[in-house]
Each structure stands twice: as C-alpha cells, then as structure tokens.
Amino acid sequence: MADCATLRAVFSGSPAADAIPIPNSMTAPHQTYLTAEYASTDLARAIERSIRPEIDDIEGDRTTARLSRDGRQVELTVEATDLVALRAGINTWMTLRGVAEDALAGQK
C-alpha cells in the first residue's frame, strides 16, 4: 500500500469523540468507520472516485458500505449483520483503497 494516507479505524459502532457521526441506514449491529486523511484534496478526491463505483456493485445480503469525503479525508463506513461479514467487508474495502492508492502513487 502506498504511503499516502493516515488511517484511523473505529470498530463496532463506537466512534471516537472526534469521529464524524453517520446515521445508521441499515439494521446492522456491527459497524466500522475507516477514515483516511491524504496529503491533498485532489488525492482524496481521486481515491474517492476510484472506490465509489464499487459501492453498489459489491454489497451483499449481510454488509453495506457508505463512502464520503470531506476535503482531505475519505471515510468509508462498513456495516454488517455479523462479525464474519464485517471482517470480510473491511478486508474488501481496505484492499480496494490500497489498490487505488498504489495506482495513484504509480502516476507520480
């Protein structure tokens, strides 16, 4: 994974005091908030645009994902009905984020 982001993860719906509150759109007892802060707004926008097309294509019966960007921060929320599905969702989205970062790092 390219060295271009600071990542903060909050698990199981208990965000840190400084985390951005996200409304619960699914009845899922397990949530993870993955927040990455990039060196520039342009880089954050490029990462967001790389991941966004996958949001509707990858979701399953037990997981959902939401993506948002605020300036240099990209936040991905993974919600799941069980911990196995949560782990799988986190792995999928972290891999996609890593691929996007590596691809953009290769453009330098």
C-alpha atoms as a PDB file:
ATOM      1  CA  MET A   1       0.000   0.000   0.000  1.00  0.00           C
ATOM      2  CA  ALA A   2       1.324   3.425  -0.871  1.00  0.00           C
ATOM      3  CA  ASP A   3       2.462   5.666   1.945  1.00  0.00           C
ATOM      4  CA  CYS A   4      -0.027   8.434   1.199  1.00  0.00           C
ATOM      5  CA  ALA A   5      -2.653   8.332   3.950  1.00  0.00           C
ATOM      6  CA  THR A   6      -3.127   8.380   7.671  1.00  0.00           C
ATOM      7  CA  LEU A   7      -5.785   5.779   8.528  1.00  0.00           C
ATOM      8  CA  ARG A   8      -8.000   5.723  11.603  1.00  0.00           C
ATOM      9  CA  ALA A   9     -10.424   2.861  12.218  1.00  0.00           C
ATOM     10  CA  VAL A  10     -13.240   2.708  14.758  1.00  0.00           C
ATOM     11  CA  PHE A  11     -14.960  -0.655  15.191  1.00  0.00           C
ATOM     12  CA  SER A  12     -18.443  -1.875  16.115  1.00  0.00           C
ATOM     13  CA  GLY A  13     -20.326   1.387  16.040  1.00  0.00           C
ATOM     14  CA  SER A  14     -18.436   3.105  18.822  1.00  0.00           C
ATOM     15  CA  PRO A  15     -16.805   6.053  17.049  1.00  0.00           C
ATOM     16  CA  ALA A  16     -14.233   8.146  18.834  1.00  0.00           C
ATOM     17  CA  ALA A  17     -15.346  11.507  20.155  1.00  0.00           C
ATOM     18  CA  ASP A  18     -13.869  13.304  17.152  1.00  0.00           C
ATOM     19  CA  ALA A  19     -15.348  10.938  14.539  1.00  0.00           C
ATOM     20  CA  ILE A  20     -17.913  12.246  12.094  1.00  0.00           C
ATOM     21  CA  PRO A  21     -21.366  10.963  13.122  1.00  0.00           C
ATOM     22  CA  ILE A  22     -23.000   8.846  10.427  1.00  0.00           C
ATOM     23  CA  PRO A  23     -26.689   7.920  10.544  1.00  0.00           C
ATOM     24  CA  ASN A  24     -27.389   4.202  10.661  1.00  0.00           C
ATOM     25  CA  SER A  25     -29.088   3.300   7.357  1.00  0.00           C
ATOM     26  CA  MET A  26     -29.184  -0.440   7.953  1.00  0.00           C
ATOM     27  CA  THR A  27     -30.175  -2.541  10.910  1.00  0.00           C
ATOM     28  CA  ALA A  28     -26.663  -3.799  11.458  1.00  0.00           C
ATOM     29  CA  PRO A  29     -25.254  -4.335  14.924  1.00  0.00           C
ATOM     30  CA  HIS A  30     -21.656  -4.095  13.718  1.00  0.00           C
ATOM     31  CA  GLN A  31     -20.009  -1.084  12.096  1.00  0.00           C
ATOM     32  CA  THR A  32     -16.535   0.077  11.264  1.00  0.00           C
ATOM     33  CA  TYR A  33     -15.561   3.608  10.290  1.00  0.00           C
ATOM     34  CA  LEU A  34     -12.377   3.777   8.222  1.00  0.00           C
ATOM     35  CA  THR A  35     -11.090   7.330   7.853  1.00  0.00           C
ATOM     36  CA  ALA A  36      -8.046   8.104   5.728  1.00  0.00           C
ATOM     37  CA  GLU A  37      -6.519  11.574   5.567  1.00  0.00           C
ATOM     38  CA  TYR A  38      -4.493  12.345   2.447  1.00  0.00           C
ATOM     39  CA  ALA A  39      -1.835  14.926   1.670  1.00  0.00           C
ATOM     40  CA  SER A  40      -4.145  16.884  -0.636  1.00  0.00           C
ATOM     41  CA  THR A  41      -7.797  17.343  -1.513  1.00  0.00           C
ATOM     42  CA  ASP A  42      -7.041  16.275  -5.095  1.00  0.00           C
ATOM     43  CA  LEU A  43      -5.589  12.965  -3.912  1.00  0.00           C
ATOM     44  CA  ALA A  44      -8.556  12.349  -1.595  1.00  0.00           C
ATOM     45  CA  ARG A  45     -10.946  13.116  -4.464  1.00  0.00           C
ATOM     46  CA  ALA A  46      -9.100  10.695  -6.766  1.00  0.00           C
ATOM     47  CA  ILE A  47      -9.250   7.912  -4.148  1.00  0.00           C
ATOM     48  CA  GLU A  48     -12.957   8.543  -3.588  1.00  0.00           C
ATOM     49  CA  ARG A  49     -13.678   8.463  -7.323  1.00  0.00           C
ATOM     50  CA  SER A  50     -11.734   5.230  -7.678  1.00  0.00           C
ATOM     51  CA  ILE A  51     -13.697   3.462  -4.949  1.00  0.00           C
ATOM     52  CA  ARG A  52     -17.196   4.935  -5.454  1.00  0.00           C
ATOM     53  CA  PRO A  53     -18.222   2.770  -8.465  1.00  0.00           C
ATOM     54  CA  GLU A  54     -17.754  -0.346  -6.323  1.00  0.00           C
ATOM     55  CA  ILE A  55     -20.165   0.750  -3.558  1.00  0.00           C
ATOM     56  CA  ASP A  56     -23.337  -0.553  -5.244  1.00  0.00           C
ATOM     57  CA  ASP A  57     -21.655  -3.459  -7.018  1.00  0.00           C
ATOM     58  CA  ILE A  58     -20.066  -5.229  -4.043  1.00  0.00           C
ATOM     59  CA  GLU A  59     -22.686  -5.069  -1.301  1.00  0.00           C
ATOM     60  CA  GLY A  60     -24.133  -8.375  -0.166  1.00  0.00           C
ATOM     61  CA  ASP A  61     -27.012  -9.570   1.961  1.00  0.00           C
ATOM     62  CA  ARG A  62     -25.041  -9.143   5.185  1.00  0.00           C
ATOM     63  CA  THR A  63     -22.982  -5.999   4.560  1.00  0.00           C
ATOM     64  CA  THR A  64     -23.343  -2.473   3.249  1.00  0.00           C
ATOM     65  CA  ALA A  65     -20.809   0.279   2.719  1.00  0.00           C
ATOM     66  CA  ARG A  66     -21.017   4.066   2.501  1.00  0.00           C
ATOM     67  CA  LEU A  67     -18.349   6.430   1.236  1.00  0.00           C
ATOM     68  CA  SER A  68     -17.939  10.130   1.928  1.00  0.00           C
ATOM     69  CA  ARG A  69     -15.235  12.745   1.504  1.00  0.00           C
ATOM     70  CA  ASP A  70     -14.633  15.974   3.356  1.00  0.00           C
ATOM     71  CA  GLY A  71     -11.636  17.837   1.998  1.00  0.00           C
ATOM     72  CA  ARG A  72      -8.574  15.632   2.513  1.00  0.00           C
ATOM     73  CA  GLN A  73     -10.473  12.950   4.444  1.00  0.00           C
ATOM     74  CA  VAL A  74     -12.161   9.929   2.889  1.00  0.00           C
ATOM     75  CA  GLU A  75     -14.437   7.982   5.216  1.00  0.00           C
ATOM     76  CA  LEU A  76     -15.749   4.524   4.495  1.00  0.00           C
ATOM     77  CA  THR A  77     -18.389   3.002   6.757  1.00  0.00           C
ATOM     78  CA  VAL A  78     -18.854  -0.767   6.650  1.00  0.00           C
ATOM     79  CA  GLU A  79     -21.959  -2.178   8.360  1.00  0.00           C
ATOM     80  CA  ALA A  80     -22.668  -5.872   8.843  1.00  0.00           C
ATOM     81  CA  THR A  81     -25.142  -8.193  10.467  1.00  0.00           C
ATOM     82  CA  ASP A  82     -22.375 -10.370  11.970  1.00  0.00           C
ATOM     83  CA  LEU A  83     -18.671 -10.170  12.730  1.00  0.00           C
ATOM     84  CA  VAL A  84     -17.614 -12.567   9.964  1.00  0.00           C
ATOM     85  CA  ALA A  85     -19.340 -10.383   7.366  1.00  0.00           C
ATOM     86  CA  LEU A  86     -17.811  -7.260   8.967  1.00  0.00           C
ATOM     87  CA  ARG A  87     -14.297  -8.719   8.695  1.00  0.00           C
ATOM     88  CA  ALA A  88     -14.883  -9.687   5.070  1.00  0.00           C
ATOM     89  CA  GLY A  89     -16.246  -6.231   4.279  1.00  0.00           C
ATOM     90  CA  ILE A  90     -13.302  -4.489   5.936  1.00  0.00           C
ATOM     91  CA  ASN A  91     -10.845  -6.686   4.023  1.00  0.00           C
ATOM     92  CA  THR A  92     -12.578  -5.965   0.717  1.00  0.00           C
ATOM     93  CA  TRP A  93     -12.694  -2.185   1.169  1.00  0.00           C
ATOM     94  CA  MET A  94      -9.165  -1.911   2.577  1.00  0.00           C
ATOM     95  CA  THR A  95      -7.893  -3.844  -0.432  1.00  0.00           C
ATOM     96  CA  LEU A  96      -9.767  -1.604  -2.882  1.00  0.00           C
ATOM     97  CA  ARG A  97      -8.477   1.508  -1.112  1.00  0.00           C
ATOM     98  CA  GLY A  98      -4.931   0.129  -1.215  1.00  0.00           C
ATOM     99  CA  VAL A  99      -5.169  -0.636  -4.931  1.00  0.00           C
ATOM    100  CA  ALA A 100      -6.413   2.907  -5.613  1.00  0.00           C
ATOM    101  CA  GLU A 101      -3.557   4.392  -3.564  1.00  0.00           C
ATOM    102  CA  ASP A 102      -0.951   2.198  -5.286  1.00  0.00           C
ATOM    103  CA  ALA A 103      -2.292   3.079  -8.729  1.00  0.00           C
ATOM    104  CA  LEU A 104      -2.179   6.790  -7.975  1.00  0.00           C
ATOM    105  CA  ALA A 105       1.284   6.534  -6.413  1.00  0.00           C
ATOM    106  CA  GLY A 106       2.468   4.933  -9.665  1.00  0.00           C
ATOM    107  CA  GLN A 107       1.370   8.013 -11.612  1.00  0.00           C
ATOM    108  CA  LYS A 108       3.935  10.266  -9.904  1.00  0.00           C
END
